[in-house]
Amino acid sequence: SNVVSVDFTNENGEVSFVLYPNPAANDNEIYLVAAGKMNTGVYAMSFYNSMGELLLSENLRHDGNFSLNKVDLSRWDLSAGIYFVTLKTASNKLHRYKLIIQ
């Protein structure tokens, strides 16, 4: 299968976050890599099912430099399907993306 990444971009269109692997396995870890011109602070990453129900939420800290955050999907019993991931930045900007679980 092909593994791709999802780019989270800041207001200037510069890539600031990359979510990978996508698709992912439900017993896997996904990584949120942060780099670039982003504000420091706590970012809220939330996962929703296709019905819009909140399944899990993680707070991630960005220190203004390169940062790698790991979310362990094996803690939740996620079925195969499409999930929606939101990232709320320290400046309250909301980004929405899809994550495929195989």
N, C-alpha and C. Protein backbone atom coordinates (compact mmCIF):
# COMPACT_ATOMS: atom_id res chain seq x y z
N SER A 1 0.83 -1.18 0.00
CA SER A 1 0.00 0.00 0.00
C SER A 1 0.88 1.25 0.00
N ASN A 2 0.35 2.32 -0.51
CA ASN A 2 1.06 3.59 -0.55
C ASN A 2 0.91 4.32 0.77
N VAL A 3 1.99 4.90 1.26
CA VAL A 3 1.96 5.70 2.46
C VAL A 3 2.20 7.14 2.05
N VAL A 4 1.31 8.01 2.47
CA VAL A 4 1.46 9.42 2.16
C VAL A 4 1.43 10.20 3.45
N SER A 5 1.69 11.47 3.37
CA SER A 5 1.62 12.32 4.54
C SER A 5 0.58 13.39 4.30
N VAL A 6 0.10 13.97 5.38
CA VAL A 6 -0.83 15.09 5.31
C VAL A 6 -0.10 16.31 5.83
N ASP A 7 -0.05 17.35 5.03
CA ASP A 7 0.65 18.56 5.43
C ASP A 7 -0.28 19.53 6.12
N PHE A 8 0.11 19.99 7.28
CA PHE A 8 -0.60 21.06 7.96
C PHE A 8 0.15 22.34 7.63
N THR A 9 -0.52 23.32 7.06
CA THR A 9 0.17 24.54 6.63
C THR A 9 -0.24 25.72 7.48
N ASN A 10 0.68 26.67 7.61
CA ASN A 10 0.35 27.88 8.36
C ASN A 10 -0.31 28.89 7.44
N GLU A 11 -0.55 30.09 7.96
CA GLU A 11 -1.29 31.11 7.22
C GLU A 11 -0.59 31.52 5.92
N ASN A 12 0.72 31.37 5.85
CA ASN A 12 1.48 31.76 4.66
C ASN A 12 1.61 30.62 3.65
N GLY A 13 0.97 29.50 3.91
CA GLY A 13 1.04 28.37 3.01
C GLY A 13 2.30 27.55 3.18
N GLU A 14 3.11 27.86 4.19
CA GLU A 14 4.33 27.09 4.43
C GLU A 14 3.98 25.84 5.24
N VAL A 15 4.61 24.74 4.89
CA VAL A 15 4.34 23.49 5.62
C VAL A 15 4.93 23.61 7.02
N SER A 16 4.09 23.40 8.01
CA SER A 16 4.53 23.49 9.39
C SER A 16 4.37 22.17 10.14
N PHE A 17 3.40 21.36 9.70
CA PHE A 17 3.17 20.07 10.33
C PHE A 17 2.98 19.01 9.25
N VAL A 18 3.47 17.83 9.52
CA VAL A 18 3.25 16.69 8.63
C VAL A 18 2.75 15.55 9.50
N LEU A 19 1.63 14.94 9.11
CA LEU A 19 1.05 13.81 9.81
C LEU A 19 1.33 12.55 8.99
N TYR A 20 1.96 11.55 9.59
CA TYR A 20 2.26 10.33 8.85
C TYR A 20 2.35 9.15 9.80
N PRO A 21 2.21 7.91 9.35
CA PRO A 21 1.82 7.52 7.99
C PRO A 21 0.31 7.69 7.79
N ASN A 22 -0.07 7.83 6.57
CA ASN A 22 -1.49 7.96 6.21
C ASN A 22 -1.66 7.31 4.85
N PRO A 23 -2.27 6.12 4.76
CA PRO A 23 -3.05 5.43 5.79
C PRO A 23 -2.17 4.83 6.89
N ALA A 24 -2.81 4.57 8.02
CA ALA A 24 -2.13 3.99 9.17
C ALA A 24 -2.90 2.75 9.61
N ALA A 25 -2.24 1.92 10.40
CA ALA A 25 -2.89 0.75 10.98
C ALA A 25 -3.40 1.12 12.37
N ASN A 26 -4.46 0.48 12.84
CA ASN A 26 -5.03 0.84 14.13
C ASN A 26 -4.16 0.44 15.31
N ASP A 27 -3.15 -0.41 15.08
CA ASP A 27 -2.23 -0.78 16.15
C ASP A 27 -0.89 -0.08 16.00
N ASN A 28 -0.90 1.01 15.26
CA ASN A 28 0.30 1.72 14.89
C ASN A 28 0.40 3.03 15.66
N GLU A 29 1.48 3.73 15.41
CA GLU A 29 1.65 5.08 15.91
C GLU A 29 1.63 6.01 14.72
N ILE A 30 1.11 7.19 14.91
CA ILE A 30 1.24 8.22 13.89
C ILE A 30 2.09 9.33 14.49
N TYR A 31 2.73 10.06 13.62
CA TYR A 31 3.64 11.10 14.05
C TYR A 31 3.19 12.44 13.49
N LEU A 32 3.28 13.44 14.29
CA LEU A 32 3.03 14.81 13.88
C LEU A 32 4.37 15.53 14.00
N VAL A 33 4.95 15.86 12.86
CA VAL A 33 6.24 16.53 12.84
C VAL A 33 5.98 18.01 12.65
N ALA A 34 6.55 18.80 13.52
CA ALA A 34 6.38 20.25 13.44
C ALA A 34 7.72 20.91 13.20
N ALA A 35 7.75 21.83 12.26
CA ALA A 35 8.94 22.61 12.00
C ALA A 35 8.52 23.88 11.29
N GLY A 36 9.29 24.91 11.39
CA GLY A 36 8.98 26.12 10.66
C GLY A 36 8.51 27.25 11.55
N LYS A 37 7.89 28.22 10.92
CA LYS A 37 7.51 29.46 11.60
C LYS A 37 6.14 29.33 12.25
N MET A 38 6.07 28.60 13.32
CA MET A 38 4.82 28.46 14.06
C MET A 38 5.02 29.03 15.45
N ASN A 39 3.95 29.50 16.05
CA ASN A 39 4.00 30.01 17.40
C ASN A 39 4.26 28.87 18.37
N THR A 40 4.97 29.18 19.44
CA THR A 40 5.16 28.18 20.48
C THR A 40 3.87 28.03 21.27
N GLY A 41 3.71 26.91 21.91
CA GLY A 41 2.54 26.71 22.75
C GLY A 41 1.97 25.32 22.61
N VAL A 42 0.79 25.14 23.17
CA VAL A 42 0.12 23.85 23.17
C VAL A 42 -0.87 23.81 22.01
N TYR A 43 -0.84 22.74 21.26
CA TYR A 43 -1.73 22.50 20.13
C TYR A 43 -2.62 21.32 20.49
N ALA A 44 -3.91 21.45 20.20
CA ALA A 44 -4.85 20.37 20.50
C ALA A 44 -5.14 19.59 19.23
N MET A 45 -4.86 18.30 19.26
CA MET A 45 -5.11 17.42 18.13
C MET A 45 -6.24 16.48 18.52
N SER A 46 -7.33 16.49 17.73
CA SER A 46 -8.52 15.68 18.05
C SER A 46 -8.87 14.79 16.88
N PHE A 47 -9.43 13.62 17.19
CA PHE A 47 -9.83 12.64 16.19
C PHE A 47 -11.33 12.42 16.30
N TYR A 48 -12.02 12.47 15.15
CA TYR A 48 -13.46 12.28 15.08
C TYR A 48 -13.78 11.14 14.11
N ASN A 49 -14.86 10.41 14.38
CA ASN A 49 -15.30 9.39 13.43
C ASN A 49 -16.14 10.04 12.34
N SER A 50 -16.65 9.23 11.42
CA SER A 50 -17.41 9.76 10.29
C SER A 50 -18.75 10.35 10.70
N MET A 51 -19.19 10.08 11.93
CA MET A 51 -20.44 10.64 12.46
C MET A 51 -20.19 11.96 13.20
N GLY A 52 -18.92 12.36 13.26
CA GLY A 52 -18.58 13.61 13.94
C GLY A 52 -18.40 13.49 15.44
N GLU A 53 -18.35 12.25 15.95
CA GLU A 53 -18.17 12.03 17.38
C GLU A 53 -16.69 12.10 17.75
N LEU A 54 -16.39 12.84 18.81
CA LEU A 54 -15.01 12.95 19.29
C LEU A 54 -14.58 11.62 19.87
N LEU A 55 -13.47 11.08 19.36
CA LEU A 55 -12.97 9.79 19.83
C LEU A 55 -11.79 9.94 20.76
N LEU A 56 -10.91 10.84 20.46
CA LEU A 56 -9.73 11.04 21.29
C LEU A 56 -9.15 12.41 21.04
N SER A 57 -8.39 12.86 22.01
CA SER A 57 -7.78 14.17 21.90
C SER A 57 -6.41 14.12 22.56
N GLU A 58 -5.46 14.78 21.96
CA GLU A 58 -4.09 14.83 22.48
C GLU A 58 -3.64 16.29 22.50
N ASN A 59 -2.96 16.69 23.56
CA ASN A 59 -2.34 18.01 23.59
C ASN A 59 -0.87 17.84 23.23
N LEU A 60 -0.42 18.62 22.26
CA LEU A 60 0.95 18.55 21.78
C LEU A 60 1.62 19.89 22.02
N ARG A 61 2.86 19.87 22.45
CA ARG A 61 3.59 21.09 22.73
C ARG A 61 4.57 21.37 21.59
N HIS A 62 4.54 22.61 21.10
CA HIS A 62 5.49 23.04 20.07
C HIS A 62 6.37 24.13 20.67
N ASP A 63 7.68 23.92 20.61
CA ASP A 63 8.61 24.86 21.25
C ASP A 63 9.21 25.87 20.28
N GLY A 64 8.71 25.93 19.06
CA GLY A 64 9.22 26.89 18.09
C GLY A 64 10.33 26.33 17.22
N ASN A 65 10.88 25.21 17.60
CA ASN A 65 11.92 24.54 16.83
C ASN A 65 11.35 23.24 16.28
N PHE A 66 12.19 22.42 15.69
CA PHE A 66 11.76 21.12 15.21
C PHE A 66 11.15 20.36 16.36
N SER A 67 10.04 19.71 16.13
CA SER A 67 9.35 18.98 17.18
C SER A 67 8.71 17.74 16.57
N LEU A 68 8.79 16.63 17.27
CA LEU A 68 8.16 15.39 16.83
C LEU A 68 7.22 14.92 17.93
N ASN A 69 5.97 14.76 17.59
CA ASN A 69 4.99 14.27 18.54
C ASN A 69 4.43 12.95 18.04
N LYS A 70 4.28 12.01 18.96
CA LYS A 70 3.81 10.68 18.62
C LYS A 70 2.44 10.46 19.27
N VAL A 71 1.50 9.94 18.48
CA VAL A 71 0.19 9.56 18.99
C VAL A 71 0.05 8.07 18.79
N ASP A 72 -0.11 7.34 19.89
CA ASP A 72 -0.19 5.88 19.85
C ASP A 72 -1.64 5.47 19.61
N LEU A 73 -1.94 5.00 18.40
CA LEU A 73 -3.30 4.61 18.04
C LEU A 73 -3.72 3.30 18.69
N SER A 74 -2.78 2.51 19.18
CA SER A 74 -3.14 1.22 19.77
C SER A 74 -3.89 1.38 21.10
N ARG A 75 -3.87 2.57 21.69
CA ARG A 75 -4.61 2.80 22.94
C ARG A 75 -6.11 2.83 22.69
N TRP A 76 -6.51 3.03 21.45
CA TRP A 76 -7.92 3.07 21.10
C TRP A 76 -8.20 1.98 20.08
N ASP A 77 -9.35 1.41 20.13
CA ASP A 77 -9.72 0.35 19.21
C ASP A 77 -10.41 0.98 18.01
N LEU A 78 -9.63 1.56 17.10
CA LEU A 78 -10.19 2.24 15.93
C LEU A 78 -10.40 1.24 14.81
N SER A 79 -11.62 1.17 14.31
CA SER A 79 -11.93 0.31 13.18
C SER A 79 -11.37 0.90 11.91
N ALA A 80 -11.24 0.06 10.90
CA ALA A 80 -10.81 0.56 9.59
C ALA A 80 -11.82 1.58 9.09
N GLY A 81 -11.33 2.66 8.52
CA GLY A 81 -12.23 3.68 7.99
C GLY A 81 -11.55 5.03 7.90
N ILE A 82 -12.35 6.04 7.65
CA ILE A 82 -11.86 7.41 7.51
C ILE A 82 -12.16 8.17 8.80
N TYR A 83 -11.18 8.86 9.30
CA TYR A 83 -11.32 9.67 10.50
C TYR A 83 -10.94 11.10 10.15
N PHE A 84 -11.48 12.01 10.91
CA PHE A 84 -11.17 13.42 10.70
C PHE A 84 -10.31 13.88 11.86
N VAL A 85 -9.23 14.53 11.52
CA VAL A 85 -8.28 15.02 12.51
C VAL A 85 -8.33 16.54 12.47
N THR A 86 -8.45 17.13 13.65
CA THR A 86 -8.37 18.59 13.72
C THR A 86 -7.14 18.97 14.53
N LEU A 87 -6.56 20.06 14.16
CA LEU A 87 -5.43 20.61 14.89
C LEU A 87 -5.77 22.05 15.21
N LYS A 88 -5.88 22.36 16.49
CA LYS A 88 -6.12 23.72 16.93
C LYS A 88 -4.80 24.29 17.40
N THR A 89 -4.35 25.34 16.73
CA THR A 89 -3.04 25.91 17.02
C THR A 89 -3.09 26.76 18.28
N ALA A 90 -1.92 27.16 18.74
CA ALA A 90 -1.83 28.00 19.93
C ALA A 90 -2.53 29.34 19.72
N SER A 91 -2.66 29.77 18.46
CA SER A 91 -3.35 31.03 18.17
C SER A 91 -4.83 30.79 17.80
N ASN A 92 -5.36 29.61 18.16
CA ASN A 92 -6.77 29.23 17.97
C ASN A 92 -7.19 29.08 16.52
N LYS A 93 -6.26 28.84 15.61
CA LYS A 93 -6.62 28.52 14.22
C LYS A 93 -6.90 27.02 14.16
N LEU A 94 -7.94 26.66 13.41
CA LEU A 94 -8.34 25.27 13.33
C LEU A 94 -8.08 24.73 11.93
N HIS A 95 -7.38 23.59 11.85
CA HIS A 95 -7.09 22.92 10.59
C HIS A 95 -7.75 21.55 10.65
N ARG A 96 -8.37 21.11 9.53
CA ARG A 96 -9.05 19.81 9.47
C ARG A 96 -8.45 18.95 8.36
N TYR A 97 -8.28 17.66 8.68
CA TYR A 97 -7.69 16.73 7.72
C TYR A 97 -8.31 15.37 7.89
N LYS A 98 -8.08 14.50 6.91
CA LYS A 98 -8.56 13.11 6.96
C LYS A 98 -7.40 12.18 7.26
N LEU A 99 -7.70 11.14 8.02
CA LEU A 99 -6.74 10.07 8.31
C LEU A 99 -7.44 8.76 7.99
N ILE A 100 -6.78 7.91 7.24
CA ILE A 100 -7.34 6.61 6.88
C ILE A 100 -6.69 5.55 7.77
N ILE A 101 -7.55 4.75 8.41
CA ILE A 101 -7.10 3.61 9.20
C ILE A 101 -7.43 2.36 8.42
N GLN A 102 -6.42 1.52 8.19
CA GLN A 102 -6.62 0.28 7.43
C GLN A 102 -6.88 -0.88 8.34
